[in-house]
């Protein structure tokens, strides 16, 4: 259990680093938005190196991850903003890969799927007022739960988009949660037997 807890802590730190990188890249606006937006790339590379080093002893295969030789990486004052963005993007993609490896090692998708299932089971009835007559009423209640849970449409979930092949036929699922590789289909059962 200790290994899993360490992996969860590393995943939490990796998520925090990704959030900091997203925030850093999105703070400036206007015509000079690109200048300075990516100047913290070296600090992000250093933080990534630290996390990757800690994670390497807990993960089965880290060959996909880079290690940056920061002594060879120029300072932001010695680079143009396109070079800064390139360094930033390389660091960002490595942090995202590290996150993916950590999630796989933890069984993140399975844990989150179980948590989502439990959440829906406990709360769906509260979000649907009256006896539902149409599936769309349940779908709307389910979407309200997603929004209330802080999920963003188009990012964390989509509604009635994409195609899924099951049992030899294609269908458009009611909800898709890409990060969990999960589709949700709503059905009303009218048979009371």
N, C-alpha and C. Protein backbone atom coordinates (compact mmCIF):
# COMPACT_ATOMS: atom_id res chain seq x y z
N UNK A 1 0.82 -1.20 0.00
CA UNK A 1 0.00 0.00 0.00
C UNK A 1 0.86 1.26 0.00
N UNK A 2 2.03 1.18 0.59
CA UNK A 2 2.91 2.34 0.67
C UNK A 2 3.31 2.82 -0.73
N UNK A 3 3.61 1.88 -1.63
CA UNK A 3 4.00 2.24 -2.99
C UNK A 3 2.87 3.00 -3.69
N UNK A 4 1.64 2.51 -3.52
CA UNK A 4 0.50 3.17 -4.17
C UNK A 4 0.31 4.58 -3.61
N UNK A 5 0.49 4.75 -2.33
CA UNK A 5 0.35 6.08 -1.73
C UNK A 5 1.44 7.03 -2.24
N UNK A 6 2.64 6.51 -2.41
CA UNK A 6 3.73 7.33 -2.96
C UNK A 6 3.41 7.73 -4.39
N UNK A 7 2.88 6.78 -5.17
CA UNK A 7 2.50 7.08 -6.55
C UNK A 7 1.38 8.12 -6.60
N UNK A 8 0.43 8.00 -5.70
CA UNK A 8 -0.66 8.99 -5.65
C UNK A 8 -0.12 10.38 -5.33
N UNK A 9 0.84 10.45 -4.40
CA UNK A 9 1.43 11.74 -4.07
C UNK A 9 2.19 12.31 -5.26
N UNK A 10 2.93 11.46 -5.96
CA UNK A 10 3.64 11.91 -7.17
C UNK A 10 2.66 12.37 -8.24
N UNK A 11 1.54 11.66 -8.38
CA UNK A 11 0.51 12.07 -9.35
C UNK A 11 -0.07 13.42 -8.96
N UNK A 12 -0.34 13.61 -7.69
CA UNK A 12 -0.86 14.89 -7.21
C UNK A 12 0.13 16.02 -7.51
N UNK A 13 1.41 15.78 -7.26
CA UNK A 13 2.44 16.79 -7.55
C UNK A 13 2.54 17.06 -9.05
N UNK A 14 2.42 16.00 -9.85
CA UNK A 14 2.48 16.14 -11.31
C UNK A 14 1.29 16.95 -11.81
N UNK A 15 0.10 16.69 -11.27
CA UNK A 15 -1.08 17.48 -11.63
C UNK A 15 -0.90 18.95 -11.26
N UNK A 16 -0.32 19.19 -10.10
CA UNK A 16 -0.07 20.58 -9.68
C UNK A 16 0.90 21.27 -10.63
N UNK A 17 1.93 20.55 -11.06
CA UNK A 17 2.89 21.12 -12.01
C UNK A 17 2.21 21.43 -13.34
N UNK A 18 1.37 20.52 -13.83
CA UNK A 18 0.64 20.78 -15.08
C UNK A 18 -0.25 22.01 -14.95
N UNK A 19 -0.93 22.14 -13.82
CA UNK A 19 -1.79 23.31 -13.60
C UNK A 19 -0.97 24.59 -13.58
N UNK A 20 0.16 24.56 -12.92
CA UNK A 20 1.03 25.74 -12.88
C UNK A 20 1.50 26.10 -14.29
N UNK A 21 1.81 25.10 -15.09
CA UNK A 21 2.27 25.35 -16.45
C UNK A 21 1.14 25.93 -17.30
N UNK A 22 -0.07 25.37 -17.14
CA UNK A 22 -1.23 25.90 -17.89
C UNK A 22 -1.48 27.36 -17.51
N UNK A 23 -1.42 27.64 -16.21
CA UNK A 23 -1.66 29.00 -15.74
C UNK A 23 -0.59 29.95 -16.27
N UNK A 24 0.65 29.53 -16.20
CA UNK A 24 1.76 30.35 -16.66
C UNK A 24 1.62 30.70 -18.14
N UNK A 25 1.17 29.73 -18.92
CA UNK A 25 1.06 29.95 -20.37
C UNK A 25 -0.17 30.76 -20.75
N UNK A 26 -1.09 30.95 -19.82
CA UNK A 26 -2.34 31.62 -20.19
C UNK A 26 -2.55 32.97 -19.52
N UNK A 27 -1.57 33.48 -18.78
CA UNK A 27 -1.81 34.70 -18.01
C UNK A 27 -1.76 35.98 -18.82
N UNK A 28 -0.89 36.08 -19.79
CA UNK A 28 -0.77 37.31 -20.56
C UNK A 28 -1.80 37.36 -21.69
N UNK A 29 -2.23 38.58 -22.01
CA UNK A 29 -3.18 38.75 -23.11
C UNK A 29 -2.70 39.92 -23.98
N UNK A 30 -3.34 40.08 -25.10
CA UNK A 30 -3.01 41.19 -25.98
C UNK A 30 -1.94 40.85 -26.99
N UNK A 31 -1.43 41.88 -27.65
CA UNK A 31 -0.49 41.68 -28.76
C UNK A 31 0.86 41.11 -28.30
N UNK A 32 1.22 41.34 -27.06
CA UNK A 32 2.51 40.83 -26.58
C UNK A 32 2.34 39.61 -25.67
N UNK A 33 1.25 38.86 -25.88
CA UNK A 33 0.94 37.73 -25.00
C UNK A 33 2.02 36.67 -25.01
N UNK A 34 2.68 36.47 -26.13
CA UNK A 34 3.68 35.41 -26.21
C UNK A 34 4.98 35.76 -25.50
N UNK A 35 5.31 37.03 -25.46
CA UNK A 35 6.57 37.46 -24.86
C UNK A 35 6.47 37.28 -23.33
N UNK A 36 7.32 36.44 -22.81
CA UNK A 36 7.34 36.23 -21.36
C UNK A 36 6.43 35.12 -20.87
N UNK A 37 5.48 34.68 -21.67
CA UNK A 37 4.56 33.62 -21.24
C UNK A 37 5.27 32.31 -20.95
N UNK A 38 6.37 32.07 -21.63
CA UNK A 38 7.05 30.78 -21.53
C UNK A 38 8.43 30.90 -20.90
N UNK A 39 8.73 32.05 -20.32
CA UNK A 39 10.08 32.29 -19.81
C UNK A 39 10.43 31.45 -18.58
N UNK A 40 9.45 30.81 -17.96
CA UNK A 40 9.72 29.98 -16.78
C UNK A 40 10.03 28.53 -17.15
N UNK A 41 10.30 28.29 -18.43
CA UNK A 41 10.49 26.92 -18.91
C UNK A 41 11.56 26.15 -18.13
N UNK A 42 12.65 26.82 -17.76
CA UNK A 42 13.75 26.12 -17.11
C UNK A 42 13.35 25.66 -15.70
N UNK A 43 12.59 26.48 -15.00
CA UNK A 43 12.10 26.11 -13.68
C UNK A 43 11.16 24.90 -13.80
N UNK A 44 10.29 24.90 -14.84
CA UNK A 44 9.38 23.77 -15.04
C UNK A 44 10.16 22.51 -15.42
N UNK A 45 11.21 22.66 -16.20
CA UNK A 45 12.06 21.50 -16.53
C UNK A 45 12.70 20.92 -15.28
N UNK A 46 13.16 21.80 -14.38
CA UNK A 46 13.79 21.35 -13.15
C UNK A 46 12.79 20.60 -12.27
N UNK A 47 11.59 21.16 -12.13
CA UNK A 47 10.55 20.49 -11.33
C UNK A 47 10.18 19.14 -11.95
N UNK A 48 10.06 19.10 -13.26
CA UNK A 48 9.77 17.84 -13.94
C UNK A 48 10.87 16.82 -13.66
N UNK A 49 12.16 17.24 -13.80
CA UNK A 49 13.28 16.33 -13.52
C UNK A 49 13.17 15.73 -12.13
N UNK A 50 12.83 16.57 -11.14
CA UNK A 50 12.70 16.09 -9.76
C UNK A 50 11.60 15.02 -9.65
N UNK A 51 10.44 15.30 -10.24
CA UNK A 51 9.33 14.35 -10.18
C UNK A 51 9.65 13.05 -10.92
N UNK A 52 10.25 13.18 -12.11
CA UNK A 52 10.59 11.99 -12.90
C UNK A 52 11.60 11.12 -12.17
N UNK A 53 12.56 11.76 -11.50
CA UNK A 53 13.57 11.00 -10.75
C UNK A 53 12.92 10.23 -9.60
N UNK A 54 12.02 10.89 -8.87
CA UNK A 54 11.33 10.22 -7.77
C UNK A 54 10.43 9.09 -8.27
N UNK A 55 9.80 9.30 -9.41
CA UNK A 55 8.86 8.30 -9.95
C UNK A 55 9.58 7.11 -10.56
N UNK A 56 10.79 7.30 -11.04
CA UNK A 56 11.48 6.24 -11.80
C UNK A 56 11.64 4.95 -11.01
N UNK A 57 11.82 5.03 -9.71
CA UNK A 57 11.99 3.81 -8.92
C UNK A 57 10.66 3.09 -8.67
N UNK A 58 9.54 3.75 -8.94
CA UNK A 58 8.22 3.16 -8.70
C UNK A 58 7.53 2.69 -9.97
N UNK A 59 8.07 3.05 -11.13
CA UNK A 59 7.42 2.72 -12.41
C UNK A 59 8.19 1.63 -13.13
N UNK A 60 7.48 0.73 -13.82
CA UNK A 60 8.16 -0.38 -14.48
C UNK A 60 9.03 0.03 -15.67
N UNK A 61 8.60 1.05 -16.42
CA UNK A 61 9.36 1.45 -17.62
C UNK A 61 9.27 2.96 -17.80
N UNK A 62 10.38 3.64 -17.64
CA UNK A 62 10.40 5.09 -17.77
C UNK A 62 11.22 5.53 -18.98
N UNK A 63 11.47 4.61 -19.91
CA UNK A 63 12.30 4.95 -21.07
C UNK A 63 11.65 6.02 -21.94
N UNK A 64 10.35 6.18 -21.84
CA UNK A 64 9.65 7.19 -22.63
C UNK A 64 9.91 8.60 -22.11
N UNK A 65 10.34 8.70 -20.86
CA UNK A 65 10.54 10.01 -20.23
C UNK A 65 11.95 10.54 -20.49
N UNK A 66 12.03 11.82 -20.74
CA UNK A 66 13.33 12.49 -20.92
C UNK A 66 13.83 12.98 -19.57
N UNK A 67 15.14 13.17 -19.47
CA UNK A 67 15.76 13.90 -18.37
C UNK A 67 16.49 15.06 -19.00
N UNK A 68 16.28 16.24 -18.47
CA UNK A 68 16.89 17.43 -19.04
C UNK A 68 18.21 17.73 -18.36
N UNK A 69 19.25 17.96 -19.16
CA UNK A 69 20.54 18.41 -18.63
C UNK A 69 20.44 19.94 -18.56
N UNK A 70 20.07 20.43 -17.41
CA UNK A 70 19.79 21.86 -17.26
C UNK A 70 21.03 22.73 -17.43
N UNK A 71 22.21 22.14 -17.31
CA UNK A 71 23.43 22.91 -17.54
C UNK A 71 23.57 23.28 -19.02
N UNK A 72 22.92 22.53 -19.89
CA UNK A 72 22.99 22.80 -21.33
C UNK A 72 21.80 23.62 -21.83
N UNK A 73 20.83 23.88 -20.96
CA UNK A 73 19.64 24.65 -21.36
C UNK A 73 19.91 26.12 -21.06
N UNK A 74 19.79 26.95 -22.10
CA UNK A 74 20.07 28.38 -21.94
C UNK A 74 19.01 29.06 -21.08
N UNK A 75 19.40 30.13 -20.45
CA UNK A 75 18.49 30.93 -19.62
C UNK A 75 17.50 31.68 -20.51
N UNK A 76 16.39 32.10 -19.94
CA UNK A 76 15.35 32.77 -20.73
C UNK A 76 15.84 34.08 -21.34
N UNK A 77 16.76 34.76 -20.67
CA UNK A 77 17.29 36.01 -21.22
C UNK A 77 18.15 35.82 -22.45
N UNK A 78 18.58 34.59 -22.69
CA UNK A 78 19.43 34.27 -23.83
C UNK A 78 18.67 33.58 -24.96
N UNK A 79 17.33 33.61 -24.88
CA UNK A 79 16.51 32.93 -25.89
C UNK A 79 15.40 33.85 -26.38
N UNK A 80 14.89 33.54 -27.56
CA UNK A 80 13.73 34.26 -28.10
C UNK A 80 12.46 33.58 -27.58
N UNK A 81 11.33 34.28 -27.70
CA UNK A 81 10.11 33.65 -27.18
C UNK A 81 9.74 32.37 -27.94
N UNK A 82 9.98 32.25 -29.25
CA UNK A 82 9.69 30.95 -29.88
C UNK A 82 10.56 29.82 -29.30
N UNK A 83 11.82 30.12 -28.98
CA UNK A 83 12.67 29.11 -28.35
C UNK A 83 12.17 28.77 -26.95
N UNK A 84 11.73 29.80 -26.23
CA UNK A 84 11.17 29.56 -24.90
C UNK A 84 9.94 28.67 -24.98
N UNK A 85 9.09 28.95 -25.96
CA UNK A 85 7.88 28.15 -26.13
C UNK A 85 8.24 26.70 -26.48
N UNK A 86 9.24 26.51 -27.31
CA UNK A 86 9.66 25.16 -27.66
C UNK A 86 10.14 24.40 -26.42
N UNK A 87 10.95 25.04 -25.58
CA UNK A 87 11.41 24.41 -24.34
C UNK A 87 10.21 24.12 -23.42
N UNK A 88 9.33 25.08 -23.33
CA UNK A 88 8.14 24.93 -22.49
C UNK A 88 7.30 23.75 -22.96
N UNK A 89 7.06 23.66 -24.28
CA UNK A 89 6.24 22.58 -24.84
C UNK A 89 6.88 21.21 -24.60
N UNK A 90 8.20 21.14 -24.72
CA UNK A 90 8.90 19.87 -24.46
C UNK A 90 8.72 19.47 -23.00
N UNK A 91 8.87 20.44 -22.11
CA UNK A 91 8.69 20.15 -20.68
C UNK A 91 7.24 19.73 -20.41
N UNK A 92 6.30 20.45 -21.00
CA UNK A 92 4.87 20.15 -20.79
C UNK A 92 4.53 18.73 -21.26
N UNK A 93 5.01 18.37 -22.43
CA UNK A 93 4.69 17.03 -22.95
C UNK A 93 5.30 15.94 -22.06
N UNK A 94 6.46 16.18 -21.51
CA UNK A 94 7.07 15.20 -20.61
C UNK A 94 6.31 15.10 -19.28
N UNK A 95 5.82 16.22 -18.78
CA UNK A 95 5.01 16.18 -17.56
C UNK A 95 3.72 15.41 -17.83
N UNK A 96 3.11 15.63 -18.98
CA UNK A 96 1.88 14.92 -19.34
C UNK A 96 2.14 13.41 -19.48
N UNK A 97 3.28 13.04 -20.06
CA UNK A 97 3.63 11.61 -20.16
C UNK A 97 3.86 11.01 -18.77
N UNK A 98 4.52 11.74 -17.91
CA UNK A 98 4.74 11.27 -16.54
C UNK A 98 3.40 11.05 -15.85
N UNK A 99 2.49 11.97 -16.03
CA UNK A 99 1.15 11.84 -15.44
C UNK A 99 0.48 10.56 -15.94
N UNK A 100 0.56 10.30 -17.23
CA UNK A 100 -0.04 9.12 -17.81
C UNK A 100 0.56 7.84 -17.22
N UNK A 101 1.87 7.79 -17.08
CA UNK A 101 2.53 6.62 -16.50
C UNK A 101 2.12 6.41 -15.05
N UNK A 102 2.03 7.49 -14.30
CA UNK A 102 1.62 7.38 -12.90
C UNK A 102 0.19 6.89 -12.78
N UNK A 103 -0.69 7.44 -13.62
CA UNK A 103 -2.09 7.00 -13.59
C UNK A 103 -2.21 5.52 -13.92
N UNK A 104 -1.43 5.06 -14.90
CA UNK A 104 -1.45 3.65 -15.26
C UNK A 104 -0.96 2.76 -14.14
N UNK A 105 0.09 3.19 -13.46
CA UNK A 105 0.65 2.39 -12.37
C UNK A 105 -0.29 2.32 -11.17
N UNK A 106 -1.03 3.37 -10.95
CA UNK A 106 -1.96 3.42 -9.82
C UNK A 106 -3.25 2.66 -10.12
N UNK A 107 -3.60 2.58 -11.40
CA UNK A 107 -4.92 2.07 -11.74
C UNK A 107 -5.93 3.19 -11.63
N UNK A 108 -5.48 4.39 -11.97
CA UNK A 108 -6.26 5.61 -11.81
C UNK A 108 -7.63 5.52 -12.49
N UNK A 109 -7.66 5.06 -13.73
CA UNK A 109 -8.94 5.02 -14.45
C UNK A 109 -9.93 4.12 -13.74
N UNK A 110 -9.46 2.98 -13.25
CA UNK A 110 -10.36 2.06 -12.54
C UNK A 110 -10.85 2.69 -11.24
N UNK A 111 -9.95 3.31 -10.49
CA UNK A 111 -10.34 3.98 -9.23
C UNK A 111 -11.35 5.08 -9.50
N UNK A 112 -11.06 5.91 -10.49
CA UNK A 112 -11.95 7.03 -10.78
C UNK A 112 -13.29 6.56 -11.34
N UNK A 113 -13.28 5.49 -12.13
CA UNK A 113 -14.53 4.95 -12.66
C UNK A 113 -15.39 4.44 -11.51
N UNK A 114 -14.79 3.74 -10.57
CA UNK A 114 -15.53 3.24 -9.40
C UNK A 114 -16.08 4.40 -8.58
N UNK A 115 -15.27 5.42 -8.38
CA UNK A 115 -15.74 6.60 -7.62
C UNK A 115 -16.89 7.30 -8.33
N UNK A 116 -16.78 7.43 -9.65
CA UNK A 116 -17.85 8.06 -10.41
C UNK A 116 -19.13 7.23 -10.34
N UNK A 117 -19.00 5.92 -10.46
CA UNK A 117 -20.16 5.03 -10.36
C UNK A 117 -20.83 5.19 -9.01
N UNK A 118 -20.05 5.17 -7.94
CA UNK A 118 -20.60 5.34 -6.59
C UNK A 118 -21.28 6.70 -6.44
N UNK A 119 -20.64 7.74 -6.97
CA UNK A 119 -21.19 9.10 -6.91
C UNK A 119 -22.54 9.17 -7.61
N UNK A 120 -22.62 8.59 -8.80
CA UNK A 120 -23.87 8.60 -9.56
C UNK A 120 -24.95 7.81 -8.81
N UNK A 121 -24.58 6.67 -8.30
CA UNK A 121 -25.53 5.82 -7.58
C UNK A 121 -26.14 6.54 -6.38
N UNK A 122 -25.32 7.27 -5.66
CA UNK A 122 -25.78 7.97 -4.46
C UNK A 122 -26.59 9.22 -4.81
N UNK A 123 -26.25 9.91 -5.89
CA UNK A 123 -26.80 11.24 -6.14
C UNK A 123 -27.80 11.38 -7.29
N UNK A 124 -27.89 10.42 -8.18
CA UNK A 124 -28.73 10.60 -9.36
C UNK A 124 -30.20 10.84 -9.00
N UNK A 125 -30.72 10.08 -8.07
CA UNK A 125 -32.13 10.25 -7.70
C UNK A 125 -32.41 11.67 -7.20
N UNK A 126 -31.45 12.28 -6.52
CA UNK A 126 -31.60 13.64 -6.00
C UNK A 126 -31.66 14.68 -7.12
N UNK A 127 -31.09 14.35 -8.28
CA UNK A 127 -31.01 15.33 -9.37
C UNK A 127 -32.16 15.22 -10.37
N UNK A 128 -33.02 14.23 -10.20
CA UNK A 128 -34.17 14.06 -11.10
C UNK A 128 -35.44 14.25 -10.27
N UNK A 129 -36.22 15.25 -10.64
CA UNK A 129 -37.43 15.57 -9.90
C UNK A 129 -38.62 14.87 -10.55
N UNK A 130 -39.32 14.10 -9.80
CA UNK A 130 -40.47 13.38 -10.34
C UNK A 130 -40.04 12.08 -11.00
N UNK A 131 -41.03 11.33 -11.44
CA UNK A 131 -40.78 10.07 -12.12
C UNK A 131 -40.42 10.38 -13.57
N UNK A 132 -39.24 9.99 -14.01
CA UNK A 132 -38.83 10.34 -15.38
C UNK A 132 -39.66 9.59 -16.42
N UNK A 133 -40.02 10.30 -17.48
CA UNK A 133 -40.78 9.71 -18.57
C UNK A 133 -39.91 9.48 -19.80
N UNK A 134 -38.84 10.25 -19.89
CA UNK A 134 -37.95 10.16 -21.04
C UNK A 134 -36.50 10.07 -20.57
N UNK A 135 -35.68 9.42 -21.38
CA UNK A 135 -34.26 9.28 -21.05
C UNK A 135 -33.57 10.62 -20.90
N UNK A 136 -34.02 11.61 -21.66
CA UNK A 136 -33.37 12.92 -21.61
C UNK A 136 -33.45 13.54 -20.21
N UNK A 137 -34.48 13.21 -19.46
CA UNK A 137 -34.60 13.73 -18.09
C UNK A 137 -33.48 13.16 -17.21
N UNK A 138 -33.18 11.89 -17.39
CA UNK A 138 -32.09 11.26 -16.64
C UNK A 138 -30.75 11.81 -17.14
N UNK A 139 -30.62 11.97 -18.45
CA UNK A 139 -29.39 12.52 -19.03
C UNK A 139 -29.13 13.92 -18.47
N UNK A 140 -30.17 14.75 -18.41
CA UNK A 140 -30.01 16.10 -17.87
C UNK A 140 -29.60 16.07 -16.40
N UNK A 141 -30.21 15.16 -15.63
CA UNK A 141 -29.83 15.01 -14.23
C UNK A 141 -28.39 14.57 -14.07
N UNK A 142 -27.99 13.63 -14.93
CA UNK A 142 -26.61 13.14 -14.89
C UNK A 142 -25.63 14.26 -15.26
N UNK A 143 -25.97 15.04 -16.27
CA UNK A 143 -25.10 16.15 -16.65
C UNK A 143 -25.02 17.18 -15.54
N UNK A 144 -26.12 17.43 -14.85
CA UNK A 144 -26.10 18.36 -13.70
C UNK A 144 -25.15 17.86 -12.62
N UNK A 145 -25.14 16.55 -12.40
CA UNK A 145 -24.21 15.99 -11.42
C UNK A 145 -22.76 16.20 -11.86
N UNK A 146 -22.49 15.98 -13.15
CA UNK A 146 -21.13 16.19 -13.66
C UNK A 146 -20.69 17.63 -13.44
N UNK A 147 -21.57 18.57 -13.80
CA UNK A 147 -21.24 19.99 -13.66
C UNK A 147 -21.04 20.33 -12.18
N UNK A 148 -21.92 19.81 -11.33
CA UNK A 148 -21.80 20.05 -9.90
C UNK A 148 -20.53 19.46 -9.30
N UNK A 149 -20.01 18.45 -9.95
CA UNK A 149 -18.77 17.81 -9.50
C UNK A 149 -17.54 18.56 -10.02
N UNK A 150 -17.76 19.60 -10.82
CA UNK A 150 -16.65 20.39 -11.34
C UNK A 150 -16.15 19.94 -12.69
N UNK A 151 -16.90 19.07 -13.34
CA UNK A 151 -16.49 18.58 -14.66
C UNK A 151 -16.91 19.59 -15.72
N UNK A 152 -16.09 19.74 -16.75
CA UNK A 152 -16.33 20.71 -17.82
C UNK A 152 -16.66 19.98 -19.11
N UNK A 153 -17.79 20.36 -19.71
CA UNK A 153 -18.19 19.76 -20.98
C UNK A 153 -17.16 20.11 -22.04
N UNK A 154 -16.79 19.12 -22.84
CA UNK A 154 -15.79 19.32 -23.88
C UNK A 154 -14.39 19.05 -23.40
N UNK A 155 -14.19 19.05 -22.10
CA UNK A 155 -12.87 18.77 -21.54
C UNK A 155 -12.90 17.47 -20.73
N UNK A 156 -13.79 17.41 -19.74
CA UNK A 156 -13.88 16.23 -18.89
C UNK A 156 -14.89 15.21 -19.41
N UNK A 157 -15.90 15.69 -20.11
CA UNK A 157 -16.91 14.80 -20.66
C UNK A 157 -17.53 15.43 -21.90
N UNK A 158 -18.16 14.62 -22.71
CA UNK A 158 -18.94 15.09 -23.86
C UNK A 158 -20.28 14.39 -23.84
N UNK A 159 -21.27 15.02 -24.42
CA UNK A 159 -22.60 14.44 -24.45
C UNK A 159 -23.00 14.20 -25.90
N UNK A 160 -23.36 12.97 -26.19
CA UNK A 160 -23.83 12.54 -27.50
C UNK A 160 -22.89 12.96 -28.63
N UNK A 161 -21.62 12.61 -28.45
CA UNK A 161 -20.62 12.83 -29.50
C UNK A 161 -19.81 11.56 -29.68
N UNK A 162 -19.23 11.42 -30.84
CA UNK A 162 -18.38 10.26 -31.11
C UNK A 162 -19.20 9.01 -31.38
N UNK A 163 -18.51 7.99 -31.82
CA UNK A 163 -19.16 6.72 -32.13
C UNK A 163 -18.43 5.60 -31.40
N UNK A 164 -19.22 4.63 -30.94
CA UNK A 164 -18.67 3.47 -30.24
C UNK A 164 -19.22 2.23 -30.90
N UNK A 165 -18.35 1.27 -31.11
CA UNK A 165 -18.78 0.02 -31.73
C UNK A 165 -18.92 -1.04 -30.65
N UNK A 166 -20.14 -1.57 -30.49
CA UNK A 166 -20.40 -2.65 -29.55
C UNK A 166 -21.32 -3.66 -30.20
N UNK A 167 -21.04 -4.92 -29.97
CA UNK A 167 -21.85 -6.02 -30.50
C UNK A 167 -22.09 -5.88 -32.01
N UNK A 168 -21.09 -5.44 -32.72
CA UNK A 168 -21.17 -5.37 -34.17
C UNK A 168 -21.90 -4.18 -34.73
N UNK A 169 -22.39 -3.27 -33.89
CA UNK A 169 -23.06 -2.08 -34.43
C UNK A 169 -22.50 -0.82 -33.77
N UNK A 170 -22.60 0.28 -34.50
CA UNK A 170 -22.11 1.56 -34.00
C UNK A 170 -23.25 2.33 -33.36
N UNK A 171 -22.90 3.06 -32.30
CA UNK A 171 -23.89 3.92 -31.66
C UNK A 171 -23.19 5.16 -31.14
N UNK A 172 -23.98 6.18 -30.86
CA UNK A 172 -23.48 7.41 -30.25
C UNK A 172 -23.86 7.34 -28.77
N UNK A 173 -22.88 7.22 -27.88
CA UNK A 173 -23.21 7.10 -26.45
C UNK A 173 -23.75 8.41 -25.90
N UNK A 174 -24.51 8.30 -24.83
CA UNK A 174 -25.07 9.50 -24.20
C UNK A 174 -23.96 10.38 -23.62
N UNK A 175 -22.98 9.76 -22.97
CA UNK A 175 -21.86 10.50 -22.40
C UNK A 175 -20.56 9.75 -22.67
N UNK A 176 -19.51 10.51 -22.90
CA UNK A 176 -18.18 9.97 -23.06
C UNK A 176 -17.27 10.71 -22.08
N UNK A 177 -16.50 9.93 -21.33
CA UNK A 177 -15.51 10.51 -20.42
C UNK A 177 -14.16 9.98 -20.89
N UNK A 178 -13.52 10.73 -21.81
CA UNK A 178 -12.31 10.24 -22.47
C UNK A 178 -11.18 9.84 -21.53
N UNK A 179 -10.98 10.62 -20.49
CA UNK A 179 -9.85 10.36 -19.59
C UNK A 179 -9.96 9.00 -18.91
N UNK A 180 -11.20 8.55 -18.70
CA UNK A 180 -11.42 7.25 -18.08
C UNK A 180 -11.71 6.16 -19.10
N UNK A 181 -11.69 6.55 -20.39
CA UNK A 181 -12.04 5.61 -21.47
C UNK A 181 -13.39 4.97 -21.17
N UNK A 182 -14.36 5.84 -20.86
CA UNK A 182 -15.65 5.39 -20.37
C UNK A 182 -16.78 6.01 -21.19
N UNK A 183 -17.76 5.19 -21.52
CA UNK A 183 -18.99 5.65 -22.16
C UNK A 183 -20.14 5.32 -21.21
N UNK A 184 -21.11 6.23 -21.14
CA UNK A 184 -22.29 6.01 -20.31
C UNK A 184 -23.52 6.10 -21.20
N UNK A 185 -24.35 5.10 -21.11
CA UNK A 185 -25.60 5.05 -21.87
C UNK A 185 -26.75 5.02 -20.88
N UNK A 186 -27.72 5.92 -21.03
CA UNK A 186 -28.85 6.00 -20.12
C UNK A 186 -30.03 5.25 -20.73
N UNK A 187 -30.66 4.41 -19.92
CA UNK A 187 -31.86 3.68 -20.34
C UNK A 187 -32.88 3.75 -19.23
N UNK A 188 -34.15 3.90 -19.60
CA UNK A 188 -35.25 3.84 -18.63
C UNK A 188 -35.88 2.46 -18.75
N UNK A 189 -36.03 1.83 -17.62
CA UNK A 189 -36.67 0.53 -17.59
C UNK A 189 -38.12 0.75 -17.18
N UNK A 190 -39.04 0.37 -18.06
CA UNK A 190 -40.46 0.59 -17.77
C UNK A 190 -41.15 -0.67 -17.28
N UNK A 191 -40.52 -1.81 -17.48
CA UNK A 191 -41.08 -3.09 -17.03
C UNK A 191 -40.90 -3.20 -15.51
N UNK A 192 -41.99 -3.30 -14.77
CA UNK A 192 -41.91 -3.35 -13.31
C UNK A 192 -41.87 -4.77 -12.76
N UNK A 193 -41.86 -5.77 -13.63
CA UNK A 193 -41.82 -7.16 -13.14
C UNK A 193 -40.56 -7.48 -12.45
